[in-house]
Amino acid sequence: MNSDAKWSEMARQFQETLGLSMQKGVTPHVLMPGLPKTADAGPALQFDSAKLLEIQRAYIQEASSLWNKGFSPEAAPATASADRRFAAEAWLTNPLAHFSASSYMLNSQALMGMAEAVEGDEKTKARVRFAVEQWLAAAAPSNFLALNADAQKKAIETKGESIAQGLQNLMHDMRQGHVSMTDESNFEVGKNVATTEGAVVYENAYFQLLEYKPLTAKVFEKPLLLVPPCINKFYILDLQPANSLIRYAVEQGHRTFVVSWSNPDESMQDKTWDDYIENAAIEAIKVTRDITGVKTINALGFCVGGTILATALAVLAARGEKPVSSVTFLTSLLDFSDTGILDIFIDETAVKFREMQMGQGGLLKGQDLASTFSFLRPNDLVWNYVVGNYLKGETPPPFDLLYWNSDSTNLPGPFYAWYLRNTYFENNLAKPGKLTICGQPVDLSKLDMPAYIYGSREDHIVPIQGAYASTQVLKGPKRFVMGASGHIAGVINPPAKKKRSYWTSDKLTTTHDAWLAGATEHPGSWWTDWSAWLKRQAGKQIAAPKTYGSRKYKVIEPAPGRYVKVKA
């Protein structure tokens, strides 16, 4: 096939892949898991003809060069061997594999260029890019044994044992319901993850409240309550002693309490956002105050936990109560104007479907959410393990973070449907008085306590601009800090590792870009900056308690408790 014909065929496949007609133009409907296709085509797509001509010219030139070289060693462009999927020696020494990888990289470049040539609103363009990226990630020759030279070499070297082991790995993952990202047999919650010493001092259907044993002779008067996301398990904050934010807080002298969410089953399938605010977040604040006997506490919310915490504080403020004297938000969204790549999943059709499906009852399975987040980075979090586990018969190495990532949680349907519409789709939570929650009109601008707001520079779940937007919502004294890396690695960055860096500025501006222009970069972890800030909010130091809980709130069981061990 000559290069002109190959270009025409690729263009045709591009149209079919996206469900488009380049003459008529239809919007690709990138759907949430389980969402059916609809007849709603959305706005018509058009393409920048000049860009398409330039892409065609470059493609024909490079394809001609590749075909003329054939299977010779110098056939592969540098981009092929630079991609880690094709970096192994077997790809370089096998002429057919070399050519296959080179052709794939060339076609990928052209297809992504065609996606960038789409003219339309940003959401439509983002959906096209996402669809093309998913298709390209799945179509890589490295994903197929017949084309993967490295997997073939291993099969020969092991006399077929790698293939047999790969089949065993595939059967194992089919039984457990997800692709193994780590050797999960190496971990046990409470034994080698979530090991900071403590006790469960309260529980209801929604959560257990954990109190941790002080590691200092004196503690600050105001305790610290951590509210993690309910879409994951709390021990992301307590993986190992060396990278535990919970242990770090305890070591800094804070009497520390943590919400450990229940993993919902059918008995909780009718629970709503209001239920979680009243019976979990507000209840956790109340119990923490009761146990410690203080008027006000410090609180921290992480990701969705930050959204839940802010909502609870707004409800309490509407009731004339201010039980939290300072608040920390880690990679949290309060203003959902900028939700990054997740925005492609949200439209009226998607939201209505979820409302019809589970708005009145039902469960969103944890694996559905986990799969969605994994496919945001398909090469790193999906196909990398497909190749390693199944084609090469490898067992992924033990990694606590990836074990946690695979330990998914369910969500009550009504809770999820409400959250989808009122935050991601309509951004109602940021609109003063728009929502009534737990019988109260909610206004986040009423939260005037000191706030520490952290965002990660490369976060694909909570974009840095979205994290910064909280500075415009909250009206009290604020400190914004940006850390390097992503949603999890940026947060879980202990000082002892001396890794990465963070940025600070005492001057808050209306936009993140303007703030960053005046910010100062510091080497190491943002934890030290937060610790210094939190100590100023924590009151005087008092003798550390010798027992957990109080007369009213007795120890139920040792930390990390039963709830965190329940599998979805």
Protein backbone atom coordinates (compact mmCIF):
# COMPACT_ATOMS: atom_id res chain seq x y z
CA MET A 1 0.00 0.00 0.00
CA ASN A 2 1.53 3.36 -0.98
CA SER A 3 1.68 6.22 1.53
CA ASP A 4 -1.21 8.17 -0.06
CA ALA A 5 -3.47 5.14 0.12
CA LYS A 6 -2.30 4.41 3.65
CA TRP A 7 -3.13 7.98 4.68
CA SER A 8 -6.61 7.73 3.18
CA GLU A 9 -7.23 4.42 4.93
CA MET A 10 -6.02 5.81 8.25
CA ALA A 11 -8.23 8.87 7.86
CA ARG A 12 -11.20 6.60 7.19
CA GLN A 13 -10.41 4.54 10.30
CA PHE A 14 -10.09 7.73 12.31
CA GLN A 15 -13.60 8.72 11.26
CA GLU A 16 -15.00 5.30 12.10
CA THR A 17 -13.19 5.10 15.43
CA LEU A 18 -14.73 8.32 16.64
CA GLY A 19 -18.07 7.74 14.97
CA LEU A 20 -17.57 10.87 12.89
CA SER A 21 -18.22 12.00 9.37
CA MET A 22 -15.65 14.56 8.28
CA GLN A 23 -18.28 16.07 6.00
CA LYS A 24 -21.23 16.11 8.41
CA GLY A 25 -19.42 15.97 11.74
CA VAL A 26 -20.82 14.38 14.90
CA THR A 27 -19.60 14.73 18.45
CA PRO A 28 -18.12 11.54 19.91
CA HIS A 29 -20.01 10.63 23.05
CA VAL A 30 -17.38 9.66 25.61
CA LEU A 31 -19.41 7.88 28.22
CA MET A 32 -19.28 7.12 31.88
CA PRO A 33 -18.98 3.40 32.72
CA GLY A 34 -22.23 1.67 31.86
CA LEU A 35 -23.81 4.68 30.17
CA PRO A 36 -25.72 3.71 27.03
CA LYS A 37 -25.29 5.46 23.69
CA THR A 38 -27.91 8.01 22.80
CA ALA A 39 -29.15 9.65 19.66
CA ASP A 40 -27.93 13.03 20.90
CA ALA A 41 -25.06 13.85 18.57
CA GLY A 42 -24.20 17.18 20.11
CA PRO A 43 -22.52 19.99 18.15
CA ALA A 44 -21.10 19.23 14.71
CA LEU A 45 -17.35 18.80 14.39
CA GLN A 46 -15.24 20.61 11.86
CA PHE A 47 -11.54 20.27 11.11
CA ASP A 48 -8.88 22.83 10.38
CA SER A 49 -8.18 22.07 6.74
CA ALA A 50 -4.73 23.69 6.83
CA LYS A 51 -3.71 21.52 9.76
CA LEU A 52 -5.03 18.39 8.04
CA LEU A 53 -3.02 19.18 4.91
CA GLU A 54 0.13 19.71 6.97
CA ILE A 55 -0.45 16.44 8.87
CA GLN A 56 -0.97 14.62 5.55
CA ARG A 57 2.19 16.15 4.06
CA ALA A 58 4.31 15.18 7.08
CA TYR A 59 2.76 11.72 7.25
CA ILE A 60 3.38 10.94 3.59
CA GLN A 61 6.96 12.15 3.85
CA GLU A 62 7.76 10.12 6.96
CA ALA A 63 5.81 7.05 5.82
CA SER A 64 7.64 7.07 2.50
CA SER A 65 10.96 7.20 4.29
CA LEU A 66 9.93 4.35 6.56
CA TRP A 67 8.70 2.16 3.70
CA ASN A 68 11.81 2.84 1.63
CA LYS A 69 14.01 1.71 4.48
CA GLY A 70 11.85 -1.34 5.02
CA PHE A 71 13.05 -3.63 7.79
CA SER A 72 16.57 -2.22 7.95
CA PRO A 73 17.96 -1.44 11.45
CA GLU A 74 17.81 2.30 10.85
CA ALA A 75 14.12 2.15 9.91
CA ALA A 76 12.77 3.09 13.31
CA PRO A 77 12.50 6.77 14.13
CA ALA A 78 13.98 7.83 17.46
CA THR A 79 10.51 8.21 18.92
CA ALA A 80 9.93 4.45 18.76
CA SER A 81 12.89 3.39 20.88
CA ALA A 82 12.35 6.40 23.15
CA ASP A 83 8.91 5.05 24.10
CA ARG A 84 9.41 2.68 27.01
CA ARG A 85 6.91 0.23 25.54
CA PHE A 86 9.42 -0.42 22.72
CA ALA A 87 12.70 0.27 24.53
CA ALA A 88 13.71 -3.35 25.23
CA GLU A 89 16.55 -4.77 23.16
CA ALA A 90 14.25 -7.32 21.50
CA TRP A 91 12.35 -4.53 19.75
CA LEU A 92 15.61 -3.11 18.40
CA THR A 93 17.09 -6.38 17.17
CA ASN A 94 13.95 -7.81 15.57
CA PRO A 95 13.47 -6.01 12.21
CA LEU A 96 9.76 -6.84 11.93
CA ALA A 97 9.05 -5.68 15.48
CA HIS A 98 11.16 -2.59 14.85
CA PHE A 99 9.10 -1.75 11.80
CA SER A 100 5.82 -2.48 13.61
CA ALA A 101 6.70 -0.14 16.47
CA SER A 102 7.88 2.55 14.07
CA SER A 103 4.68 2.36 12.01
CA TYR A 104 2.60 2.53 15.17
CA MET A 105 4.42 5.61 16.44
CA LEU A 106 4.06 7.31 13.06
CA ASN A 107 0.34 6.54 12.88
CA SER A 108 -0.14 7.65 16.49
CA GLN A 109 1.50 10.97 15.76
CA ALA A 110 -0.75 11.53 12.75
CA LEU A 111 -3.94 10.49 14.54
CA MET A 112 -3.23 12.74 17.51
CA GLY A 113 -2.52 15.54 15.07
CA MET A 114 -5.91 14.94 13.48
CA ALA A 115 -7.52 15.07 16.93
CA GLU A 116 -5.80 18.39 17.56
CA ALA A 117 -7.11 19.65 14.22
CA VAL A 118 -10.70 19.38 15.42
CA GLU A 119 -12.39 22.77 15.63
CA GLY A 120 -15.03 23.19 18.29
CA ASP A 121 -15.60 23.92 21.94
CA GLU A 122 -12.96 22.74 24.41
CA LYS A 123 -15.12 19.94 25.82
CA THR A 124 -15.69 18.42 22.40
CA LYS A 125 -11.99 18.67 21.54
CA ALA A 126 -11.08 17.07 24.87
CA ARG A 127 -13.47 14.20 24.21
CA VAL A 128 -11.98 13.58 20.77
CA ARG A 129 -8.44 13.62 22.20
CA PHE A 130 -9.43 11.24 24.98
CA ALA A 131 -11.13 8.81 22.57
CA VAL A 132 -8.12 8.78 20.25
CA GLU A 133 -5.70 8.33 23.16
CA GLN A 134 -7.70 5.35 24.45
CA TRP A 135 -7.82 3.74 21.01
CA LEU A 136 -4.11 4.25 20.45
CA ALA A 137 -3.20 2.90 23.89
CA ALA A 138 -5.24 -0.25 23.25
CA ALA A 139 -3.92 -0.74 19.69
CA ALA A 140 -0.20 -0.63 20.54
CA PRO A 141 1.68 -3.65 19.10
CA SER A 142 3.20 -4.19 22.55
CA ASN A 143 -0.23 -5.35 23.77
CA PHE A 144 -0.31 -8.41 21.48
CA LEU A 145 1.84 -11.51 21.87
CA ALA A 146 2.06 -11.95 18.09
CA LEU A 147 3.68 -8.51 17.78
CA ASN A 148 5.52 -8.08 21.09
CA ALA A 149 9.12 -9.10 20.40
CA ASP A 150 10.12 -8.77 24.05
CA ALA A 151 7.36 -11.14 25.21
CA GLN A 152 8.23 -13.57 22.42
CA LYS A 153 11.89 -13.56 23.45
CA LYS A 154 10.96 -14.32 27.03
CA ALA A 155 8.68 -17.16 25.92
CA ILE A 156 11.56 -18.73 24.00
CA GLU A 157 14.02 -18.26 26.86
CA THR A 158 11.65 -19.80 29.40
CA LYS A 159 10.54 -22.58 27.01
CA GLY A 160 6.94 -21.40 27.23
CA GLU A 161 6.80 -21.05 31.00
CA SER A 162 6.14 -17.31 30.74
CA ILE A 163 3.06 -17.97 28.61
CA ALA A 164 1.77 -20.60 31.04
CA GLN A 165 2.33 -18.24 33.97
CA GLY A 166 0.66 -15.45 32.06
CA LEU A 167 -2.45 -17.58 31.61
CA GLN A 168 -2.44 -18.33 35.35
CA ASN A 169 -2.13 -14.62 36.08
CA LEU A 170 -5.03 -13.90 33.72
CA MET A 171 -7.26 -16.48 35.43
CA HIS A 172 -6.30 -15.08 38.84
CA ASP A 173 -7.18 -11.53 37.83
CA MET A 174 -10.46 -12.64 36.27
CA ARG A 175 -11.42 -14.25 39.58
CA GLN A 176 -10.50 -11.18 41.64
CA GLY A 177 -12.20 -8.82 39.20
CA HIS A 178 -9.35 -6.45 38.38
CA VAL A 179 -5.90 -6.33 36.83
CA SER A 180 -3.18 -6.84 39.44
CA MET A 181 -0.97 -3.77 39.74
CA THR A 182 1.11 -5.23 42.55
CA ASP A 183 1.57 -8.52 44.35
CA GLU A 184 -1.38 -8.08 46.70
CA SER A 185 -0.42 -11.15 48.71
CA ASN A 186 2.42 -9.12 50.21
CA PHE A 187 0.09 -6.73 52.01
CA GLU A 188 -2.43 -6.95 54.82
CA VAL A 189 -4.25 -3.96 56.26
CA GLY A 190 -3.26 -3.57 59.89
CA LYS A 191 -0.17 -5.74 59.52
CA ASN A 192 2.10 -3.91 57.08
CA VAL A 193 -0.10 -1.03 55.90
CA ALA A 194 -2.23 1.17 58.16
CA THR A 195 -0.05 0.30 61.16
CA THR A 196 0.07 3.52 63.19
CA GLU A 197 -1.01 2.55 66.70
CA GLY A 198 -4.46 3.65 67.76
CA ALA A 199 -8.01 2.58 68.55
CA VAL A 200 -11.56 2.85 67.27
CA VAL A 201 -13.42 5.08 69.73
CA TYR A 202 -16.75 5.51 67.88
CA GLU A 203 -18.68 3.94 65.04
CA ASN A 204 -21.98 4.14 63.23
CA ALA A 205 -23.17 2.86 59.86
CA TYR A 206 -21.15 5.49 57.99
CA PHE A 207 -17.73 5.51 59.62
CA GLN A 208 -15.45 4.52 62.43
CA LEU A 209 -13.55 7.23 64.28
CA LEU A 210 -9.92 6.30 64.98
CA GLU A 211 -7.83 7.96 67.67
CA TYR A 212 -4.07 7.55 67.51
CA LYS A 213 -1.63 7.02 70.38
CA PRO A 214 0.44 10.14 71.13
CA LEU A 215 4.14 9.87 70.36
CA THR A 216 5.07 12.97 72.36
CA ALA A 217 4.87 13.75 76.08
CA LYS A 218 2.75 16.80 75.34
CA VAL A 219 0.14 17.43 72.69
CA PHE A 220 -1.47 20.55 71.35
CA GLU A 221 -4.71 21.53 73.00
CA LYS A 222 -6.76 21.46 69.80
CA PRO A 223 -6.99 18.00 68.24
CA LEU A 224 -6.72 17.33 64.52
CA LEU A 225 -9.51 15.51 62.66
CA LEU A 226 -8.72 14.09 59.22
CA VAL A 227 -11.53 13.44 56.73
CA PRO A 228 -10.20 11.31 53.83
CA PRO A 229 -12.14 10.67 50.59
CA CYS A 230 -14.97 8.16 50.86
CA ILE A 231 -14.24 6.89 47.34
CA ASN A 232 -10.99 5.37 48.67
CA LYS A 233 -9.78 3.93 51.96
CA PHE A 234 -8.19 6.17 54.56
CA TYR A 235 -4.87 4.35 54.76
CA ILE A 236 -3.47 6.27 51.80
CA LEU A 237 -2.62 8.62 54.67
CA ASP A 238 -1.01 5.76 56.64
CA LEU A 239 0.69 3.40 54.20
CA GLN A 240 4.02 2.77 55.94
CA PRO A 241 5.57 4.49 58.98
CA ALA A 242 8.05 6.27 56.69
CA ASN A 243 5.38 7.84 54.44
CA SER A 244 2.42 8.19 56.80
CA LEU A 245 0.90 11.67 57.05
CA ILE A 246 -1.09 10.42 60.04
CA ARG A 247 2.04 9.32 61.90
CA TYR A 248 3.76 12.58 60.96
CA ALA A 249 0.91 14.60 62.49
CA VAL A 250 1.11 12.52 65.66
CA GLU A 251 4.89 13.00 65.82
CA GLN A 252 4.39 16.76 65.56
CA GLY A 253 2.35 16.67 68.77
CA HIS A 254 -1.20 16.68 67.44
CA ARG A 255 -3.85 14.53 69.08
CA THR A 256 -5.03 12.94 65.87
CA PHE A 257 -8.40 11.49 64.87
CA VAL A 258 -9.28 10.00 61.47
CA VAL A 259 -12.55 9.08 59.79
CA SER A 260 -12.49 5.50 58.42
CA TRP A 261 -15.44 5.22 56.05
CA SER A 262 -17.60 2.13 55.83
CA ASN A 263 -17.59 0.27 52.52
CA PRO A 264 -21.29 0.50 51.59
CA ASP A 265 -23.35 -2.60 50.83
CA GLU A 266 -27.03 -2.98 49.97
CA SER A 267 -28.05 -1.83 53.45
CA MET A 268 -26.74 1.66 52.57
CA GLN A 269 -27.91 1.84 48.97
CA ASP A 270 -30.42 4.62 49.74
CA LYS A 271 -28.04 6.97 51.60
CA THR A 272 -27.72 10.53 50.35
CA TRP A 273 -25.21 13.36 50.40
CA ASP A 274 -27.18 14.88 53.30
CA ASP A 275 -26.88 11.61 55.24
CA TYR A 276 -23.11 11.62 54.87
CA ILE A 277 -22.81 15.26 55.91
CA GLU A 278 -25.05 14.94 58.99
CA ASN A 279 -24.21 11.44 60.16
CA ALA A 280 -20.54 11.31 59.23
CA ALA A 281 -18.69 14.62 58.88
CA ILE A 282 -20.72 16.59 61.42
CA GLU A 283 -20.91 13.61 63.75
CA ALA A 284 -17.13 13.09 63.58
CA ILE A 285 -16.55 16.74 64.51
CA LYS A 286 -18.98 16.43 67.42
CA VAL A 287 -17.45 13.22 68.78
CA THR A 288 -13.90 14.56 68.47
CA ARG A 289 -14.88 17.63 70.48
CA ASP A 290 -16.70 15.53 73.07
CA ILE A 291 -13.75 13.20 73.59
CA THR A 292 -11.17 15.97 73.90
CA GLY A 293 -13.39 18.41 75.80
CA VAL A 294 -12.42 21.39 73.63
CA LYS A 295 -14.58 24.09 72.11
CA THR A 296 -12.94 24.02 68.68
CA ILE A 297 -10.76 21.62 66.72
CA ASN A 298 -8.57 21.70 63.60
CA ALA A 299 -9.74 19.68 60.60
CA LEU A 300 -8.27 18.40 57.34
CA GLY A 301 -10.07 17.17 54.25
CA PHE A 302 -8.41 15.26 51.40
CA CYS A 303 -9.90 15.15 47.88
CA VAL A 304 -13.64 14.40 48.14
CA GLY A 305 -13.15 14.42 51.90
CA GLY A 306 -12.36 18.12 51.58
CA THR A 307 -15.59 18.75 49.67
CA ILE A 308 -17.53 16.83 52.34
CA LEU A 309 -15.77 18.69 55.16
CA ALA A 310 -16.42 22.11 53.60
CA THR A 311 -20.10 21.25 53.12
CA ALA A 312 -20.40 20.15 56.75
CA LEU A 313 -18.75 23.34 57.98
CA ALA A 314 -21.11 25.43 55.83
CA VAL A 315 -24.13 23.59 57.29
CA LEU A 316 -22.82 24.18 60.81
CA ALA A 317 -22.16 27.85 60.03
CA ALA A 318 -25.76 28.22 58.84
CA ARG A 319 -26.80 26.81 62.22
CA GLY A 320 -24.68 29.41 63.98
CA GLU A 321 -21.97 26.92 64.97
CA LYS A 322 -18.22 27.22 64.36
CA PRO A 323 -16.62 24.15 65.95
CA VAL A 324 -13.57 24.15 63.63
CA SER A 325 -10.99 26.87 64.14
CA SER A 326 -8.77 26.05 61.15
CA VAL A 327 -9.15 23.88 58.08
CA THR A 328 -6.76 22.22 55.64
CA PHE A 329 -7.81 21.19 52.14
CA LEU A 330 -5.56 18.78 50.25
CA THR A 331 -6.21 18.47 46.49
CA SER A 332 -9.88 19.28 47.04
CA LEU A 333 -12.47 20.95 44.83
CA LEU A 334 -14.90 23.50 46.27
CA ASP A 335 -15.42 25.37 43.01
CA PHE A 336 -15.89 22.82 40.21
CA SER A 337 -15.42 25.24 37.32
CA ASP A 338 -12.24 23.42 36.27
CA THR A 339 -12.38 19.66 36.73
CA GLY A 340 -9.79 18.76 34.12
CA ILE A 341 -10.08 15.54 32.13
CA LEU A 342 -12.99 14.27 34.24
CA ASP A 343 -15.18 16.91 32.60
CA ILE A 344 -15.38 14.79 29.45
CA PHE A 345 -17.54 12.26 31.31
CA ILE A 346 -20.10 14.81 32.48
CA ASP A 347 -23.08 16.04 30.51
CA GLU A 348 -26.85 16.12 30.96
CA THR A 349 -27.27 12.67 29.44
CA ALA A 350 -24.69 11.11 31.73
CA VAL A 351 -26.08 12.75 34.85
CA LYS A 352 -29.69 11.88 34.00
CA PHE A 353 -28.72 8.29 33.35
CA ARG A 354 -27.09 7.97 36.77
CA GLU A 355 -30.08 9.62 38.41
CA MET A 356 -32.47 7.19 36.72
CA GLN A 357 -30.18 4.24 37.39
CA MET A 358 -29.40 4.83 41.07
CA GLY A 359 -30.74 8.21 42.19
CA GLN A 360 -33.37 6.55 44.36
CA GLY A 361 -31.28 3.58 45.44
CA GLY A 362 -28.47 1.30 44.39
CA LEU A 363 -24.69 1.10 44.58
CA LEU A 364 -21.94 2.42 42.38
CA LYS A 365 -19.46 -0.43 42.46
CA GLY A 366 -15.97 0.47 43.54
CA GLN A 367 -14.39 -1.28 40.57
CA ASP A 368 -16.31 0.97 38.16
CA LEU A 369 -14.73 4.06 39.69
CA ALA A 370 -11.32 2.42 39.93
CA SER A 371 -11.43 1.47 36.24
CA THR A 372 -12.43 4.98 35.23
CA PHE A 373 -9.50 6.51 37.09
CA SER A 374 -7.08 3.90 35.73
CA PHE A 375 -8.08 4.61 32.13
CA LEU A 376 -7.23 8.28 32.65
CA ARG A 377 -3.63 6.97 32.40
CA PRO A 378 -4.15 3.81 30.29
CA ASN A 379 -0.54 3.06 29.39
CA ASP A 380 0.71 3.37 32.98
CA LEU A 381 -2.23 1.88 34.88
CA VAL A 382 -3.79 -0.63 32.47
CA TRP A 383 -1.80 -1.85 29.47
CA ASN A 384 1.53 -1.87 31.27
CA TYR A 385 0.14 -4.55 33.58
CA VAL A 386 -1.64 -6.44 30.81
CA VAL A 387 1.70 -6.84 29.04
CA GLY A 388 3.70 -7.67 32.17
CA ASN A 389 1.17 -9.95 33.84
CA TYR A 390 -0.25 -11.84 30.87
CA LEU A 391 2.18 -11.65 27.93
CA LYS A 392 5.37 -11.98 29.97
CA GLY A 393 4.00 -13.97 32.91
CA GLU A 394 5.53 -11.58 35.44
CA THR A 395 4.33 -10.85 38.97
CA PRO A 396 4.29 -7.11 39.58
CA PRO A 397 6.56 -6.06 42.47
CA PRO A 398 5.05 -5.18 45.86
CA PHE A 399 4.10 -1.52 46.07
CA ASP A 400 1.95 -0.22 48.93
CA LEU A 401 0.45 2.66 46.93
CA LEU A 402 -0.77 0.37 44.15
CA TYR A 403 -2.15 -2.10 46.68
CA TRP A 404 -4.21 0.74 48.13
CA ASN A 405 -5.22 1.83 44.63
CA SER A 406 -6.72 -1.61 43.98
CA ASP A 407 -8.58 -1.73 47.31
CA SER A 408 -11.73 -0.05 46.02
CA THR A 409 -14.89 1.12 47.79
CA ASN A 410 -18.55 1.32 46.78
CA LEU A 411 -20.71 4.44 46.92
CA PRO A 412 -24.44 4.74 47.61
CA GLY A 413 -26.24 5.60 44.38
CA PRO A 414 -28.24 8.60 45.66
CA PHE A 415 -25.07 10.07 47.19
CA TYR A 416 -23.20 9.69 43.91
CA ALA A 417 -26.01 11.00 41.68
CA TRP A 418 -26.42 14.12 43.85
CA TYR A 419 -22.68 14.71 43.89
CA LEU A 420 -22.42 14.33 40.11
CA ARG A 421 -25.11 16.89 39.34
CA ASN A 422 -24.47 19.49 42.04
CA THR A 423 -20.69 19.61 41.87
CA TYR A 424 -19.17 18.39 38.62
CA PHE A 425 -22.08 19.27 36.33
CA GLU A 426 -23.82 22.36 37.75
CA ASN A 427 -21.19 23.58 40.26
CA ASN A 428 -24.00 24.45 42.67
CA LEU A 429 -21.93 24.03 45.81
CA ALA A 430 -19.92 27.15 44.95
CA LYS A 431 -23.07 29.24 44.48
CA PRO A 432 -24.11 30.91 47.77
CA GLY A 433 -27.55 29.79 48.87
CA LYS A 434 -28.16 27.64 45.78
CA LEU A 435 -28.29 24.36 47.75
CA THR A 436 -30.15 23.38 50.88
CA ILE A 437 -28.29 20.61 52.69
CA CYS A 438 -29.38 19.09 55.99
CA GLY A 439 -32.14 21.70 56.09
CA GLN A 440 -29.74 24.65 55.77
CA PRO A 441 -28.88 27.00 52.88
CA VAL A 442 -25.22 26.45 52.12
CA ASP A 443 -22.78 29.30 51.58
CA LEU A 444 -19.08 28.38 51.51
CA SER A 445 -18.14 32.05 51.69
CA LYS A 446 -19.28 31.98 55.32
CA LEU A 447 -16.26 29.84 56.16
CA ASP A 448 -13.92 32.46 57.59
CA MET A 449 -11.51 30.34 59.65
CA PRO A 450 -7.83 30.19 58.64
CA ALA A 451 -7.41 27.79 55.73
CA TYR A 452 -4.39 25.94 54.34
CA ILE A 453 -5.02 24.96 50.72
CA TYR A 454 -2.72 22.53 48.93
CA GLY A 455 -2.72 21.58 45.24
CA SER A 456 -0.44 19.31 43.19
CA ARG A 457 1.08 20.76 40.04
CA GLU A 458 0.51 17.69 37.82
CA ASP A 459 -2.75 16.52 39.37
CA HIS A 460 -5.09 15.02 36.73
CA ILE A 461 -7.93 14.45 39.22
CA VAL A 462 -8.01 17.90 40.85
CA PRO A 463 -6.26 20.27 38.41
CA ILE A 464 -4.05 22.83 40.08
CA GLN A 465 -6.29 25.66 38.83
CA GLY A 466 -9.27 23.90 40.43
CA ALA A 467 -7.47 23.55 43.74
CA TYR A 468 -6.44 27.21 43.62
CA ALA A 469 -10.05 28.27 42.97
CA SER A 470 -10.80 27.52 46.65
CA THR A 471 -8.85 30.66 47.54
CA GLN A 472 -11.57 32.68 45.82
CA VAL A 473 -14.41 30.85 47.58
CA LEU A 474 -13.21 30.99 51.18
CA LYS A 475 -13.12 34.40 52.86
CA GLY A 476 -10.88 33.90 55.90
CA PRO A 477 -7.06 34.06 56.11
CA LYS A 478 -5.65 31.64 53.53
CA ARG A 479 -2.34 30.07 52.62
CA PHE A 480 -1.98 28.32 49.26
CA VAL A 481 0.86 25.90 48.60
CA MET A 482 1.60 23.98 45.41
CA GLY A 483 3.54 20.73 45.47
CA ALA A 484 5.27 18.89 42.64
CA SER A 485 3.92 15.66 41.12
CA GLY A 486 0.35 14.36 41.02
CA HIS A 487 -2.80 13.72 43.02
CA ILE A 488 -1.31 11.10 45.34
CA ALA A 489 2.47 11.30 44.97
CA GLY A 490 2.36 15.05 45.52
CA VAL A 491 0.45 14.67 48.79
CA ILE A 492 2.31 11.63 50.13
CA ASN A 493 5.76 13.19 50.12
CA PRO A 494 7.41 12.82 53.56
CA PRO A 495 10.24 15.21 54.44
CA ALA A 496 12.71 12.39 55.18
CA LYS A 497 12.70 11.40 51.52
CA LYS A 498 13.98 14.85 50.50
CA LYS A 499 12.15 14.52 47.20
CA ARG A 500 10.39 16.96 44.91
CA SER A 501 9.68 20.56 45.85
CA TYR A 502 6.87 22.98 46.67
CA TRP A 503 5.98 26.60 45.96
CA THR A 504 4.70 29.30 48.32
CA SER A 505 3.68 32.94 48.08
CA ASP A 506 2.21 35.22 50.73
CA LYS A 507 0.29 37.13 48.06
CA LEU A 508 -2.93 35.58 46.79
CA THR A 509 -4.06 36.63 43.33
CA THR A 510 -7.26 35.97 41.42
CA THR A 511 -5.68 33.30 39.21
CA HIS A 512 -3.21 30.49 39.79
CA ASP A 513 -0.99 31.62 36.92
CA ALA A 514 -0.57 35.06 38.50
CA TRP A 515 0.09 33.46 41.90
CA LEU A 516 2.72 31.14 40.44
CA ALA A 517 4.52 34.04 38.76
CA GLY A 518 5.25 35.46 42.20
CA ALA A 519 5.78 32.17 44.05
CA THR A 520 9.05 30.84 45.47
CA GLU A 521 10.17 27.25 44.97
CA HIS A 522 11.50 25.30 47.98
CA PRO A 523 13.23 21.91 47.85
CA GLY A 524 11.66 18.97 49.67
CA SER A 525 8.23 18.33 51.16
CA TRP A 526 5.38 20.76 51.78
CA TRP A 527 4.65 18.84 55.02
CA THR A 528 7.09 21.02 56.96
CA ASP A 529 5.38 24.20 55.79
CA TRP A 530 1.97 22.81 56.74
CA SER A 531 3.26 21.63 60.12
CA ALA A 532 4.57 25.12 60.96
CA TRP A 533 1.25 26.65 59.92
CA LEU A 534 -0.86 24.12 61.84
CA LYS A 535 1.09 24.57 65.07
CA ARG A 536 0.10 28.23 65.06
CA GLN A 537 -3.56 27.16 64.97
CA ALA A 538 -3.32 24.40 67.59
CA GLY A 539 -3.29 26.29 70.89
CA LYS A 540 -1.16 25.61 73.93
CA GLN A 541 0.50 22.29 74.74
CA ILE A 542 -0.91 20.00 77.41
CA ALA A 543 0.00 16.60 78.81
CA ALA A 544 -0.70 13.81 76.33
CA PRO A 545 -3.65 11.59 77.26
CA LYS A 546 -2.75 8.16 78.58
CA THR A 547 -5.90 6.43 77.32
CA TYR A 548 -8.04 6.47 74.21
CA GLY A 549 -11.51 7.96 74.05
CA SER A 550 -13.35 9.02 77.18
CA ARG A 551 -15.82 7.69 79.72
CA LYS A 552 -18.60 8.09 77.18
CA TYR A 553 -16.63 6.85 74.17
CA LYS A 554 -14.95 3.56 75.02
CA VAL A 555 -12.42 1.70 72.91
CA ILE A 556 -14.22 -0.60 70.46
CA GLU A 557 -11.22 -2.29 68.85
CA PRO A 558 -7.62 -1.53 67.85
CA ALA A 559 -6.89 0.61 64.80
CA PRO A 560 -7.27 0.37 61.87
CA GLY A 561 -10.64 -1.20 62.73
CA ARG A 562 -13.01 -3.50 60.85
CA TYR A 563 -14.49 -1.07 58.34
CA VAL A 564 -11.31 -0.50 56.36
CA LYS A 565 -10.85 -4.25 55.88
CA VAL A 566 -14.20 -4.75 54.12
CA LYS A 567 -13.72 -5.41 50.41
CA ALA A 568 -15.96 -3.90 47.74
